């Protein structure tokens, strides 16, 4: 039986709420404890005490036995720990011995592996050396074979190039020229850097070969018919990686001397006799059918020709250096346009003209024309007239200057200045900047004047017409569709608030004119006026403010709807007033027809109101509010 069970049993026996854990406390009070155990007055306290003493002795004995058992068990376990530790220590010692053995084995294996690797590396290195020697020997043999063949073909080439031109031009020796270039290229790839002797021999042969090749290139490029060996000469330069050298030879020795003759002889760089149109026409004649025909015929095979041809022409133009300056040139734009047209005519001889247009060669050509300077000059010229318009102090002064006229001209100048596609982005940005100055001025002044003195209807009408004129001009220009749409959207955003202001102002003016209807009772009340047969004198003013406005985008229906609703309300108020007058007149003059005259006038004016609506395009068929009047 556990201590807990004994305590619970004892608690029940003594029928006390006294906490048993207090028995071991220093301040334990036996009298309190006994009083708590005294559950009935009839029971003898001594008997209860005896019974309680016996139960406590039993509880103490049981507790001591239980503690003794636990202490014995723990002590046995404690006694067994040293022997267990000794056993573990022995096992650890055994593991250390085994680990030492394995470590020795692994070190030995590692040393053996390192020695094996060293031996393998040495063997591989020896193999590489042998293989490299074999490769060099094989390359040398190949070089010797190539040089032998080259020497034979060089002898043939020298014999052929020494023939008279009329005979030489009929012999297809291009394959010999091309073969030599390929063999030389192979030799240069195979030659060992340390073999200076062979390198010098190859260099000597190559120099001799290029000397002959240059003469043949100049000779064939100067012919004006299809030349059977010309392609092989060009390919030979490509095989040796000497395309640039070929371009220089063609530019300096073939094209430049001839093109230079087309320039007028003058020491004045700004000589007015220089006609760039005539200059390019002469060159194109030679390019298409004359001395430069081979540059066009073989352009598909080798872009060396077109590039060398264009660079030679550009070099000749550079003699007239000021032609490239937008500041000093008299006909800068014409010269630039004709130069671009010329490059297009020549460049289209290539398979891929767009690639040429995007090439560094074409970019270098454009750089000569100082396009950024041209743009800044044109920008200043275009913007200068607008500055005077933007100095206006208010919308009225602004409109008096006919701003759309200035801006339309500025936009036209902007678009006319895009003489080549490469200038499109800059002038497009300028176009947006110009449009923004117009938009910002109007927006700023509209906001300012609306908050202060307001804007007159005339100014709003004229402003809408001015914006519409500018918007219409934008729609007819050749622009990318999304660019055109964006500019039109900006302008429409200026029109919208003006239209809203016009709707509000015109509606108020028309409604103010309707207020005259309320005067009908006073016009006929005891005035002896005759029965009316025509509309009131003020009826013609009902829609007069609207009819005076001539704007395409004005939504008249919104104005008409406001006026109709106001008309219905005013007429109803007038009828109510007539009813009051009728009651009063009935008392004093039952035979009076004044009220009948008032109603008759209202009906006549209603008919005129409906007729006016019809004149401006509104009937009961297209406007439901009119049905409320009928």
Foldseek 3Di string as FASTA:
>chain_A
DDLVVLVVVLCVVLVFPDDPVCVPPPPDDVVVVLVRSCPDPVDDSVVSVVVSVVSVVVSVVNVVVVVVVVVVVVVVVVVCVVVVVVVVVVVVVVVVVVVVVVVVVVVVVVVVVVVVVVVVVVVVVVVVVVVVVVLLVVLVVLLVVLVVLLVVLVVVLVVLLPDDPVVSQVDQCLVSLLSNLLSLLSNVVSDDPVCVVSVVVSVVSVVVSVVSLLVVQQVVQQDQDDGNNNLSSCVSCVSNPNLVVSLVSCLPPPQQVVLLVLADDDPDLQPPVGDLLSSLVVVVCCCVGRRRVVLLVCCQVPVSSLLSNLVSNLVSVCVSLCLLPPVPHPPNLVNVLVNVVSNCVSLVSYPCSVVVCVDVSVVVVNVSNVVVVVLVVLLCVLCVVVVVLLVDPALVSNLVVLNLVSLLVSLVSLVVVPSDVVCVVVSLVSNVVSLVSVLVSLVVRQVVCCVPVHDDLVSLLSVLVSLVSNLVSLVPDDDDPVSNVVSNVSSVVSNVVSLVVNLVVQLVQLLVLLLCLLCLLVVLQPPPDDQDDAADPSLVRNNVSVVVRDDDPRPVVSSVVSSLVSNVVSVVVSVVVLVVSLVVCCVPPVPDCSSVSSVSNVVNSLVSVQVVCVVVPDDCVRDVSVVVSD
